[in-house]
């Protein structure tokens, strides 16, 4: 892959062709490990500071007493919810892989990809390490950078869309609850929701209007250079003139298959619902009761606040969000409830996902063909009677090549049939003259 920076300030024409592959720069393993190591050290300091706070404020005894009386059955239910969150994440990737009948990616590979997002996402500010690490793992399965980026970028956009859509439904369905229970805090809800909505709109503009984005970006870059606001603008130049095209190409190749994107969104909503349900189980574990849908809506708000904080694990935002939305519900058990919730949703998944990073699939049969066999169907490759055009979905380039090949083969066959028909017509005309 080339890491060459394009030093041009003029927008380039943006074309999409079958089989085209964006030259995606993938973060190295050393960069991932270094970032994760820093995040782990930071979070260790946070835990230590939390324990010192409990001791200094005299809450340690209350904290231990609350933990001793917790209902383990409800804690198990919370753990099951996070397992479902992980499973739905793998299924969302599997939909993309299923669309390509020749994809080399297996279920174990996808488990590694999802675990990578949890591990590196939790240990980097605003989950910035999740996407690069997942692209790296997809390329190690045999996909090239274009296919891996198409899969990952589209998954990232659909996940963000799911987060915003879920929050919108939560606000619409429970606005009166938020207003009467939390008062002016509902303004914070609307503000955070607005931030994420704007972020999603910007992503869609980049994907659908790369030319406009590049013209605007290059104009802004010229203004920066003119006023000497930055010493080195090469990173901005690379972002505007290379990465915008890569992101847009990946998304447009994926968007060809709309049903798969809709199904991915549905699975994402189920994934988020499983995650947002965890506080409801933790509440019951401490003998508290609360409205299920209210807990689901509050969970959505806590997550949005957490992701807006530029620290590993959303530190600061998570604590604030939990105290605001769940503190009154837990009462005197709020401190212990927070720790249990944090262990189930953050600390345990981060630790347990590390061993899954090395998972690799050894089955040479693709997920598509295995699914067809399980459903009692014969795949195109096995039957030999059907053309296998594949699916132009989130796994992108391979399926695009198949479609292009099928397109060429179709017109070549049509041209050949036309020539044969013309030859037969000429032969009949000659025989008619002789007679």
Protein backbone atom coordinates (compact mmCIF):
# COMPACT_ATOMS: atom_id res chain seq x y z
CA UNK A 1 0.00 0.00 0.00
CA UNK A 2 1.16 3.46 -0.76
CA UNK A 3 1.28 6.09 1.97
CA UNK A 4 2.10 8.82 -0.50
CA UNK A 5 0.46 12.15 0.29
CA UNK A 6 -1.32 13.84 -2.57
CA UNK A 7 -0.29 17.50 -2.55
CA UNK A 8 -3.02 18.94 -4.63
CA UNK A 9 -5.45 21.61 -3.62
CA UNK A 10 -7.86 21.18 -6.51
CA UNK A 11 -10.75 18.73 -6.22
CA UNK A 12 -10.42 15.64 -8.33
CA UNK A 13 -13.14 13.95 -10.31
CA UNK A 14 -14.75 11.15 -8.36
CA UNK A 15 -15.65 8.02 -10.28
CA UNK A 16 -16.72 4.61 -9.09
CA UNK A 17 -15.79 1.60 -11.17
CA UNK A 18 -16.30 -2.10 -10.73
CA UNK A 19 -13.38 -3.60 -8.91
CA UNK A 20 -11.84 -0.27 -7.84
CA UNK A 21 -10.10 -0.42 -4.47
CA UNK A 22 -9.32 2.48 -2.18
CA UNK A 23 -5.73 2.50 -0.98
CA UNK A 24 -6.46 2.46 2.68
CA UNK A 25 -3.64 3.10 5.08
CA UNK A 26 -3.97 0.58 7.92
CA UNK A 27 -2.71 1.25 11.40
CA UNK A 28 0.23 -0.95 12.32
CA UNK A 29 0.15 -3.46 15.14
CA UNK A 30 2.76 -1.46 17.07
CA UNK A 31 0.62 1.69 16.89
CA UNK A 32 -2.42 -0.23 18.12
CA UNK A 33 -0.52 -1.85 20.99
CA UNK A 34 1.08 1.42 22.07
CA UNK A 35 -2.25 3.24 22.14
CA UNK A 36 -3.93 0.38 24.03
CA UNK A 37 -1.08 0.24 26.55
CA UNK A 38 -1.45 3.94 27.31
CA UNK A 39 -5.20 3.53 27.70
CA UNK A 40 -4.75 0.58 30.07
CA UNK A 41 -2.37 2.57 32.27
CA UNK A 42 -4.81 5.48 32.36
CA UNK A 43 -7.73 3.26 33.34
CA UNK A 44 -5.63 1.56 36.05
CA UNK A 45 -5.03 5.00 37.55
CA UNK A 46 -8.76 5.73 37.37
CA UNK A 47 -9.61 2.53 39.27
CA UNK A 48 -6.96 3.31 41.90
CA UNK A 49 -8.31 6.85 42.31
CA UNK A 50 -11.84 5.44 42.64
CA UNK A 51 -10.79 3.11 45.47
CA UNK A 52 -8.96 5.97 47.23
CA UNK A 53 -12.13 8.06 46.94
CA UNK A 54 -14.22 5.31 48.59
CA UNK A 55 -11.77 5.00 51.48
CA UNK A 56 -11.35 8.75 51.97
CA UNK A 57 -15.10 9.43 52.00
CA UNK A 58 -15.91 6.50 54.29
CA UNK A 59 -18.08 4.73 51.71
CA UNK A 60 -16.04 1.53 51.55
CA UNK A 61 -18.12 -0.24 54.23
CA UNK A 62 -21.39 0.67 52.50
CA UNK A 63 -19.91 -0.40 49.19
CA UNK A 64 -18.85 -3.84 50.50
CA UNK A 65 -22.19 -4.36 52.26
CA UNK A 66 -24.09 -3.63 49.05
CA UNK A 67 -21.97 -6.12 47.10
CA UNK A 68 -22.54 -8.88 49.65
CA UNK A 69 -26.32 -8.65 49.28
CA UNK A 70 -26.41 -8.52 45.48
CA UNK A 71 -28.64 -11.04 43.66
CA UNK A 72 -26.31 -13.07 41.45
CA UNK A 73 -29.09 -14.34 39.19
CA UNK A 74 -29.78 -10.82 37.97
CA UNK A 75 -26.04 -10.22 37.51
CA UNK A 76 -25.95 -13.32 35.34
CA UNK A 77 -28.78 -11.83 33.29
CA UNK A 78 -26.71 -8.68 32.79
CA UNK A 79 -23.76 -10.80 31.62
CA UNK A 80 -26.02 -12.62 29.15
CA UNK A 81 -27.08 -9.23 27.75
CA UNK A 82 -23.48 -8.31 27.03
CA UNK A 83 -22.88 -11.71 25.43
CA UNK A 84 -25.87 -10.97 23.16
CA UNK A 85 -24.34 -7.58 22.39
CA UNK A 86 -21.19 -9.35 21.21
CA UNK A 87 -23.13 -11.98 19.24
CA UNK A 88 -25.22 -9.36 17.42
CA UNK A 89 -22.02 -7.52 16.56
CA UNK A 90 -20.61 -10.67 14.94
CA UNK A 91 -23.91 -11.23 13.08
CA UNK A 92 -23.76 -7.69 11.66
CA UNK A 93 -20.37 -8.50 10.12
CA UNK A 94 -21.58 -11.95 9.01
CA UNK A 95 -24.33 -10.31 6.91
CA UNK A 96 -21.66 -8.50 4.93
CA UNK A 97 -19.58 -11.64 4.48
CA UNK A 98 -22.63 -13.73 3.51
CA UNK A 99 -23.28 -11.44 0.55
CA UNK A 100 -19.96 -12.46 -1.00
CA UNK A 101 -20.07 -16.22 -1.76
CA UNK A 102 -16.29 -16.34 -2.20
CA UNK A 103 -15.30 -14.35 0.90
CA UNK A 104 -12.41 -15.97 2.84
CA UNK A 105 -13.71 -14.58 6.16
CA UNK A 106 -15.06 -17.10 8.67
CA UNK A 107 -17.02 -16.86 11.93
CA UNK A 108 -13.92 -17.05 14.11
CA UNK A 109 -12.37 -14.24 12.08
CA UNK A 110 -15.45 -12.12 12.73
CA UNK A 111 -15.30 -12.88 16.45
CA UNK A 112 -11.72 -11.60 16.39
CA UNK A 113 -12.82 -8.46 14.54
CA UNK A 114 -15.61 -7.71 17.02
CA UNK A 115 -13.33 -8.41 20.00
CA UNK A 116 -10.73 -6.07 18.49
CA UNK A 117 -13.29 -3.27 18.38
CA UNK A 118 -14.14 -3.80 22.04
CA UNK A 119 -10.54 -4.08 23.22
CA UNK A 120 -8.93 -1.22 21.31
CA UNK A 121 -12.09 0.90 21.40
CA UNK A 122 -12.27 0.72 25.20
CA UNK A 123 -8.61 1.61 25.61
CA UNK A 124 -8.45 4.60 23.26
CA UNK A 125 -10.07 8.07 23.51
CA UNK A 126 -13.54 8.21 21.93
CA UNK A 127 -13.00 4.63 20.69
CA UNK A 128 -10.64 5.96 18.01
CA UNK A 129 -8.64 2.72 17.89
CA UNK A 130 -11.60 0.47 17.10
CA UNK A 131 -11.96 1.06 13.34
CA UNK A 132 -8.23 0.85 12.37
CA UNK A 133 -7.70 -2.30 14.44
CA UNK A 134 -10.74 -3.98 12.89
CA UNK A 135 -9.56 -3.15 9.36
CA UNK A 136 -6.19 -4.72 10.20
CA UNK A 137 -7.87 -7.94 11.33
CA UNK A 138 -10.07 -8.07 8.25
CA UNK A 139 -7.04 -7.76 5.97
CA UNK A 140 -5.40 -10.66 7.82
CA UNK A 141 -8.28 -12.91 6.80
CA UNK A 142 -7.41 -12.52 3.11
CA UNK A 143 -9.42 -9.42 2.19
CA UNK A 144 -7.50 -6.61 0.55
CA UNK A 145 -7.54 -3.12 2.04
CA UNK A 146 -10.39 -1.97 -0.21
CA UNK A 147 -12.68 -4.83 0.78
CA UNK A 148 -11.78 -4.51 4.46
CA UNK A 149 -12.37 -0.77 4.50
CA UNK A 150 -15.70 -1.16 2.65
CA UNK A 151 -16.87 -3.64 5.27
CA UNK A 152 -15.62 -1.69 8.27
CA UNK A 153 -16.56 1.85 7.19
CA UNK A 154 -20.10 0.80 6.35
CA UNK A 155 -20.42 -1.09 9.62
CA UNK A 156 -19.18 2.03 11.44
CA UNK A 157 -21.73 4.28 9.72
CA UNK A 158 -24.62 1.89 10.34
CA UNK A 159 -23.62 1.60 14.00
CA UNK A 160 -23.55 5.39 14.38
CA UNK A 161 -26.88 5.61 12.60
CA UNK A 162 -28.29 3.01 15.00
CA UNK A 163 -27.03 4.95 18.04
CA UNK A 164 -28.67 8.17 16.84
CA UNK A 165 -31.90 6.44 15.78
CA UNK A 166 -32.17 4.62 19.11
CA UNK A 167 -31.60 7.88 21.02
CA UNK A 168 -34.23 9.65 18.90
CA UNK A 169 -36.78 6.93 19.64
CA UNK A 170 -35.85 7.06 23.34
CA UNK A 171 -36.36 10.82 23.49
CA UNK A 172 -39.66 10.66 21.62
CA UNK A 173 -41.02 7.80 23.68
CA UNK A 174 -39.78 8.93 27.11
CA UNK A 175 -39.50 12.72 26.81
CA UNK A 176 -42.11 13.34 29.51
CA UNK A 177 -40.33 10.85 31.78
CA UNK A 178 -37.00 12.66 31.33
CA UNK A 179 -38.65 16.06 31.83
CA UNK A 180 -40.50 15.13 35.04
CA UNK A 181 -37.74 12.96 36.51
CA UNK A 182 -34.62 14.94 35.67
CA UNK A 183 -35.91 18.45 34.96
CA UNK A 184 -33.43 20.67 33.15
CA UNK A 185 -31.11 17.73 32.53
CA UNK A 186 -33.28 16.96 29.50
CA UNK A 187 -31.52 19.93 27.87
CA UNK A 188 -28.27 17.96 28.19
CA UNK A 189 -30.00 15.03 26.51
CA UNK A 190 -31.03 17.18 23.57
CA UNK A 191 -27.58 18.77 23.32
CA UNK A 192 -25.73 15.45 23.27
CA UNK A 193 -28.25 14.01 20.81
CA UNK A 194 -27.73 17.04 18.57
CA UNK A 195 -23.95 16.51 18.63
CA UNK A 196 -24.28 12.89 17.50
CA UNK A 197 -26.89 13.80 14.88
CA UNK A 198 -24.56 16.42 13.38
CA UNK A 199 -21.72 13.89 13.39
CA UNK A 200 -23.91 11.42 11.49
CA UNK A 201 -24.98 14.06 8.97
CA UNK A 202 -21.34 14.98 8.34
CA UNK A 203 -20.52 11.30 7.71
CA UNK A 204 -23.31 11.01 5.16
CA UNK A 205 -22.25 14.23 3.44
CA UNK A 206 -18.68 12.91 3.15
CA UNK A 207 -19.98 9.63 1.72
CA UNK A 208 -22.49 11.06 -0.73
CA UNK A 209 -20.90 14.41 -1.68
CA UNK A 210 -17.11 13.91 -1.66
CA UNK A 211 -16.58 16.54 -4.37
CA UNK A 212 -18.29 19.23 -2.31
CA UNK A 213 -16.38 18.19 0.81
CA UNK A 214 -13.05 18.36 -1.03
CA UNK A 215 -13.78 21.77 -2.51
CA UNK A 216 -14.79 23.14 0.88
CA UNK A 217 -11.86 21.45 2.61
CA UNK A 218 -9.29 22.68 0.11
CA UNK A 219 -10.64 26.22 0.36
CA UNK A 220 -10.36 26.08 4.14
CA UNK A 221 -6.86 24.58 3.81
CA UNK A 222 -5.73 27.45 1.55
CA UNK A 223 -7.06 29.92 4.12
CA UNK A 224 -5.11 28.16 6.89
CA UNK A 225 -1.90 28.24 4.85
CA UNK A 226 -2.41 31.87 3.93
CA UNK A 227 -2.65 32.89 7.60
CA UNK A 228 0.10 30.45 8.73
CA UNK A 229 -2.15 28.91 11.38
CA UNK A 230 -0.39 25.53 11.22
CA UNK A 231 3.22 24.62 10.56
CA UNK A 232 2.56 21.33 8.76
CA UNK A 233 -0.68 21.02 6.78
CA UNK A 234 0.23 17.73 5.06
CA UNK A 235 -2.05 15.71 7.35
CA UNK A 236 -5.01 17.92 6.48
CA UNK A 237 -4.11 17.67 2.80
CA UNK A 238 -4.01 13.87 3.04
CA UNK A 239 -7.34 13.80 4.89
CA UNK A 240 -9.10 16.00 2.33
CA UNK A 241 -7.64 14.74 -0.93
CA UNK A 242 -7.16 11.03 -0.23
CA UNK A 243 -9.15 9.78 2.74
CA UNK A 244 -12.42 11.49 1.73
CA UNK A 245 -12.37 9.60 -1.59
CA UNK A 246 -11.53 6.32 0.14
CA UNK A 247 -14.39 6.69 2.61
CA UNK A 248 -16.89 7.64 -0.09
CA UNK A 249 -15.78 4.81 -2.42
CA UNK A 250 -16.13 2.24 0.35
CA UNK A 251 -19.60 3.41 1.32
CA UNK A 252 -20.94 3.66 -2.25
CA UNK A 253 -19.77 0.15 -3.11
CA UNK A 254 -21.53 -1.11 0.00
CA UNK A 255 -24.71 0.93 -0.55
CA UNK A 256 -25.42 -0.92 -3.81
CA UNK A 257 -27.08 -3.62 -1.71
CA UNK A 258 -29.73 -1.71 0.27
CA UNK A 259 -31.48 -4.75 1.85
CA UNK A 260 -28.25 -5.86 3.51
CA UNK A 261 -27.77 -2.40 5.00
CA UNK A 262 -31.33 -2.40 6.34
CA UNK A 263 -30.82 -5.83 7.89
CA UNK A 264 -27.54 -4.65 9.40
CA UNK A 265 -29.34 -1.67 10.93
CA UNK A 266 -31.96 -3.97 12.45
CA UNK A 267 -29.27 -6.19 13.99
CA UNK A 268 -27.48 -3.07 15.27
CA UNK A 269 -30.66 -1.89 17.00
CA UNK A 270 -30.98 -5.28 18.70
CA UNK A 271 -27.32 -5.07 19.70
CA UNK A 272 -27.79 -1.65 21.28
CA UNK A 273 -30.99 -2.80 23.03
CA UNK A 274 -29.08 -5.67 24.64
CA UNK A 275 -26.40 -3.25 25.89
CA UNK A 276 -28.86 -0.64 27.18
CA UNK A 277 -30.84 -3.32 29.05
CA UNK A 278 -27.90 -4.15 31.35
CA UNK A 279 -28.62 -1.36 33.92
CA UNK A 280 -32.15 -2.74 34.35
CA UNK A 281 -30.72 -6.10 35.40
CA UNK A 282 -28.16 -4.46 37.71
CA UNK A 283 -30.95 -2.46 39.38
CA UNK A 284 -32.89 -5.65 40.12
CA UNK A 285 -29.70 -7.27 41.41
CA UNK A 286 -29.66 -4.62 44.17
CA UNK A 287 -33.35 -5.06 44.94
CA UNK A 288 -34.50 -1.95 43.06
CA UNK A 289 -37.31 -1.78 40.52
CA UNK A 290 -37.66 0.54 37.55
CA UNK A 291 -39.59 0.86 34.31
CA UNK A 292 -37.89 -1.27 31.65
CA UNK A 293 -38.35 1.21 28.79
CA UNK A 294 -37.19 4.10 30.97
CA UNK A 295 -33.99 2.18 31.79
CA UNK A 296 -33.49 1.45 28.10
CA UNK A 297 -33.89 5.14 27.21
CA UNK A 298 -31.60 6.25 30.05
CA UNK A 299 -28.98 3.74 28.93
CA UNK A 300 -28.99 5.32 25.49
CA UNK A 301 -28.42 8.77 27.00
CA UNK A 302 -25.57 7.56 29.25
CA UNK A 303 -23.79 5.99 26.28
CA UNK A 304 -24.11 9.14 24.19
CA UNK A 305 -22.66 11.27 27.00
CA UNK A 306 -19.79 8.80 27.48
CA UNK A 307 -18.79 8.75 23.80
CA UNK A 308 -18.59 12.55 23.75
CA UNK A 309 -15.74 12.58 26.31
CA UNK A 310 -12.24 12.39 24.72
CA UNK A 311 -10.75 10.00 27.31
CA UNK A 312 -10.23 6.21 27.23
CA UNK A 313 -13.40 4.43 28.23
CA UNK A 314 -15.33 7.70 28.26
CA UNK A 315 -13.96 8.31 31.75
CA UNK A 316 -15.74 11.24 33.34
CA UNK A 317 -18.68 11.12 30.98
CA UNK A 318 -19.66 7.60 32.06
CA UNK A 319 -19.57 8.49 35.76
CA UNK A 320 -21.48 11.71 35.22
CA UNK A 321 -24.09 10.07 33.01
CA UNK A 322 -24.61 7.18 35.42
CA UNK A 323 -24.92 9.51 38.41
CA UNK A 324 -27.44 11.71 36.58
CA UNK A 325 -29.67 9.02 35.13
CA UNK A 326 -29.30 6.07 37.46
CA UNK A 327 -28.12 7.55 40.75
CA UNK A 328 -31.67 8.35 42.00
CA UNK A 329 -32.86 4.85 41.05
CA UNK A 330 -30.06 3.01 42.93
CA UNK A 331 -30.27 5.18 46.05
CA UNK A 332 -27.67 4.19 48.68
CA UNK A 333 -26.42 1.37 46.42
CA UNK A 334 -25.43 3.78 43.64
CA UNK A 335 -21.68 3.37 44.16
CA UNK A 336 -21.79 -0.43 44.18
CA UNK A 337 -24.30 -0.43 41.32
CA UNK A 338 -22.02 1.71 39.20
CA UNK A 339 -19.03 -0.56 39.80
CA UNK A 340 -20.98 -3.74 38.95
CA UNK A 341 -22.41 -2.11 35.81
CA UNK A 342 -18.94 -0.89 34.81
CA UNK A 343 -17.41 -4.33 35.35
CA UNK A 344 -20.08 -6.03 33.20
CA UNK A 345 -19.99 -3.47 30.38
CA UNK A 346 -16.35 -2.36 30.35
CA UNK A 347 -13.64 -3.92 32.52
CA UNK A 348 -14.57 -7.61 32.05
CA UNK A 349 -15.21 -7.31 28.26
CA UNK A 350 -11.91 -5.48 27.79
CA UNK A 351 -9.97 -8.20 29.60
CA UNK A 352 -11.87 -11.15 28.13
CA UNK A 353 -11.71 -9.84 24.54
CA UNK A 354 -7.89 -9.93 24.53
CA UNK A 355 -7.66 -13.76 24.10
CA UNK A 356 -10.14 -13.59 21.22
CA UNK A 357 -7.91 -11.31 19.16
CA UNK A 358 -5.91 -14.29 17.88
CA UNK A 359 -8.89 -16.34 16.66
CA UNK A 360 -8.60 -17.51 13.04
CA UNK A 361 -10.98 -19.51 10.85
CA UNK A 362 -9.59 -22.65 9.19
CA UNK A 363 -12.68 -23.78 7.26
CA UNK A 364 -12.06 -23.19 3.52
CA UNK A 365 -15.81 -23.17 2.76
CA UNK A 366 -17.31 -19.66 2.76
CA UNK A 367 -20.07 -18.63 5.15
CA UNK A 368 -22.46 -18.29 2.19
CA UNK A 369 -21.92 -21.85 1.02
CA UNK A 370 -22.16 -23.23 4.57
CA UNK A 371 -25.44 -21.36 5.06
CA UNK A 372 -26.83 -22.72 1.77
CA UNK A 373 -25.93 -26.28 2.76
CA UNK A 374 -27.54 -25.82 6.18
CA UNK A 375 -30.72 -24.53 4.51
CA UNK A 376 -30.71 -27.50 2.14
CA UNK A 377 -29.81 -25.42 -0.91
CA UNK A 378 -27.16 -26.02 -3.52
CA UNK A 379 -24.92 -23.05 -4.15
CA UNK A 380 -24.18 -21.88 -7.65
CA UNK A 381 -20.60 -23.11 -7.41
CA UNK A 382 -21.75 -26.58 -6.36
CA UNK A 383 -24.68 -27.05 -8.78
CA UNK A 384 -23.00 -25.66 -11.86
CA UNK A 385 -26.46 -24.81 -13.25
CA UNK A 386 -26.78 -21.26 -11.96
CA UNK A 387 -24.64 -18.24 -12.52
CA UNK A 388 -23.17 -16.93 -9.30
CA UNK A 389 -23.10 -13.18 -9.47
CA UNK A 390 -22.41 -12.76 -5.78
CA UNK A 391 -23.71 -9.82 -3.86
CA UNK A 392 -22.42 -6.31 -3.99
CA UNK A 393 -22.69 -5.64 -0.32
CA UNK A 394 -20.47 -4.42 2.44
CA UNK A 395 -17.61 -6.72 1.53
CA UNK A 396 -17.38 -4.71 -1.65
CA UNK A 397 -14.60 -5.28 -4.12
CA UNK A 398 -14.72 -9.04 -4.66
CA UNK A 399 -18.45 -9.01 -5.35
CA UNK A 400 -17.99 -5.97 -7.59
CA UNK A 401 -15.44 -7.89 -9.65
CA UNK A 402 -17.88 -10.78 -9.99
CA UNK A 403 -20.60 -8.40 -11.14
CA UNK A 404 -18.27 -6.77 -13.67
CA UNK A 405 -17.19 -10.16 -14.96
CA UNK A 406 -20.81 -11.28 -15.29
CA UNK A 407 -21.65 -8.01 -17.06
CA UNK A 408 -18.84 -8.55 -19.60
CA UNK A 409 -19.77 -12.19 -20.08
CA UNK A 410 -23.42 -11.30 -20.69
CA UNK A 411 -22.68 -8.77 -23.44
CA UNK A 412 -20.04 -11.02 -24.98
CA UNK A 413 -22.60 -13.84 -25.15
CA UNK A 414 -25.22 -11.49 -26.58
CA UNK A 415 -22.79 -10.30 -29.28
CA UNK A 416 -21.90 -13.89 -30.13
CA UNK A 417 -25.57 -14.85 -30.47
CA UNK A 418 -26.14 -11.85 -32.74
CA UNK A 419 -23.28 -12.89 -35.02
CA UNK A 420 -24.60 -16.47 -35.16
CA UNK A 421 -28.08 -15.25 -36.06
CA UNK A 422 -26.67 -12.99 -38.79
CA UNK A 423 -24.67 -15.88 -40.22
CA UNK A 424 -27.75 -18.09 -40.33
CA UNK A 425 -29.71 -15.33 -42.11
CA UNK A 426 -26.96 -14.94 -44.76
CA UNK A 427 -26.86 -18.72 -45.34
CA UNK A 428 -30.63 -18.86 -45.83
CA UNK A 429 -30.47 -15.95 -48.29
CA UNK A 430 -27.73 -17.68 -50.34
CA UNK A 431 -29.67 -20.96 -50.52
CA UNK A 432 -32.79 -19.05 -51.58
CA UNK A 433 -30.91 -17.41 -54.51
CA UNK A 434 -29.54 -20.77 -55.66
CA UNK A 435 -33.02 -22.31 -55.70
